[in-house]
Protein backbone atom coordinates (compact mmCIF):
# COMPACT_ATOMS: atom_id res chain seq x y z
CA MET A 1 -0.15 0.19 0.02
CA HIS A 2 0.99 3.74 -0.64
CA ASN A 3 1.34 6.37 1.46
CA ARG A 4 -0.31 9.66 0.04
CA ASN A 5 3.24 11.29 -0.86
CA SER A 6 4.01 7.85 -2.63
CA SER A 7 4.36 7.44 -6.42
CA PRO A 8 3.05 4.17 -7.54
CA ARG A 9 5.42 1.00 -7.93
CA LEU A 10 8.02 1.35 -11.12
CA THR A 11 7.69 -2.16 -12.98
CA PRO A 12 8.81 -3.34 -16.00
CA LEU A 13 5.73 -2.69 -18.21
CA ILE A 14 5.63 0.66 -17.17
CA ALA A 15 8.88 1.34 -17.73
CA SER A 16 8.42 0.19 -21.88
CA GLN A 17 5.60 2.31 -21.56
CA ILE A 18 7.40 5.14 -20.09
CA LYS A 19 10.73 4.34 -23.08
CA GLY A 20 7.27 3.59 -25.62
CA LEU A 21 5.93 7.01 -25.00
CA TRP A 22 9.28 8.76 -24.95
CA GLN A 23 10.54 7.24 -28.76
CA HIS A 24 6.85 7.21 -29.77
CA THR A 25 5.58 10.85 -28.67
CA LEU A 26 6.53 14.50 -28.16
CA LEU A 27 5.77 13.97 -24.21
CA ASN A 28 7.97 15.39 -21.91
CA GLN A 29 9.47 13.38 -18.99
CA ALA A 30 7.07 15.64 -16.89
CA GLN A 31 3.95 14.66 -18.97
CA ILE A 32 4.68 10.83 -19.46
CA ALA A 33 4.96 10.78 -15.43
CA ALA A 34 1.29 12.32 -15.38
CA ARG A 35 -0.29 9.95 -17.80
CA LEU A 36 1.05 6.82 -16.65
CA GLY A 37 -0.71 7.56 -12.72
CA GLU A 38 1.17 10.63 -11.23
CA LEU A 39 4.82 8.75 -11.25
CA ASN A 40 7.80 10.78 -10.02
CA GLN A 41 9.62 12.76 -13.03
CA GLY A 42 12.64 11.36 -11.78
CA ARG A 43 12.00 7.85 -12.12
CA VAL A 44 10.87 8.56 -15.88
CA SER A 45 14.35 9.91 -16.04
CA GLU A 46 15.62 7.24 -14.57
CA VAL A 47 14.72 4.77 -17.42
CA ILE A 48 15.01 7.16 -20.21
CA SER A 49 18.42 7.10 -19.28
CA GLY A 50 18.68 3.34 -18.58
CA GLN A 51 19.88 3.95 -15.06
CA ARG A 52 16.81 1.08 -14.27
CA PHE A 53 15.55 -1.43 -16.40
CA PRO A 54 17.95 -0.59 -19.16
CA GLU A 55 17.15 -4.12 -20.43
CA ILE A 56 13.19 -3.39 -21.25
CA PRO A 57 12.36 -2.64 -24.95
CA PRO A 58 10.52 -0.17 -25.50
CA ALA A 59 6.54 0.03 -25.77
CA ASP A 60 5.76 -0.32 -29.28
CA PRO A 61 3.06 2.21 -30.99
CA GLN A 62 0.07 0.77 -30.39
CA ALA A 63 0.68 -0.53 -26.93
CA VAL A 64 0.79 3.55 -26.06
CA ARG A 65 -1.74 4.55 -27.83
CA SER A 66 -4.56 4.99 -25.42
CA TYR A 67 -1.72 7.28 -23.67
CA MET A 68 -1.83 10.11 -26.11
């Protein structure tokens, strides 16, 4: 259970969605964080830079379409 001030847990699926949104849209990191359930923008940055989940490929354009 999350407390009021925490972001949703970062999972491989969310990491894939982050990478897909970054690769296939013009959304910035803060916009991606907001679209994926109020994630912390820092977590989005860590995924995009490869610090977290470097082995996870980006979601394809069809998979991220619902977030656009």
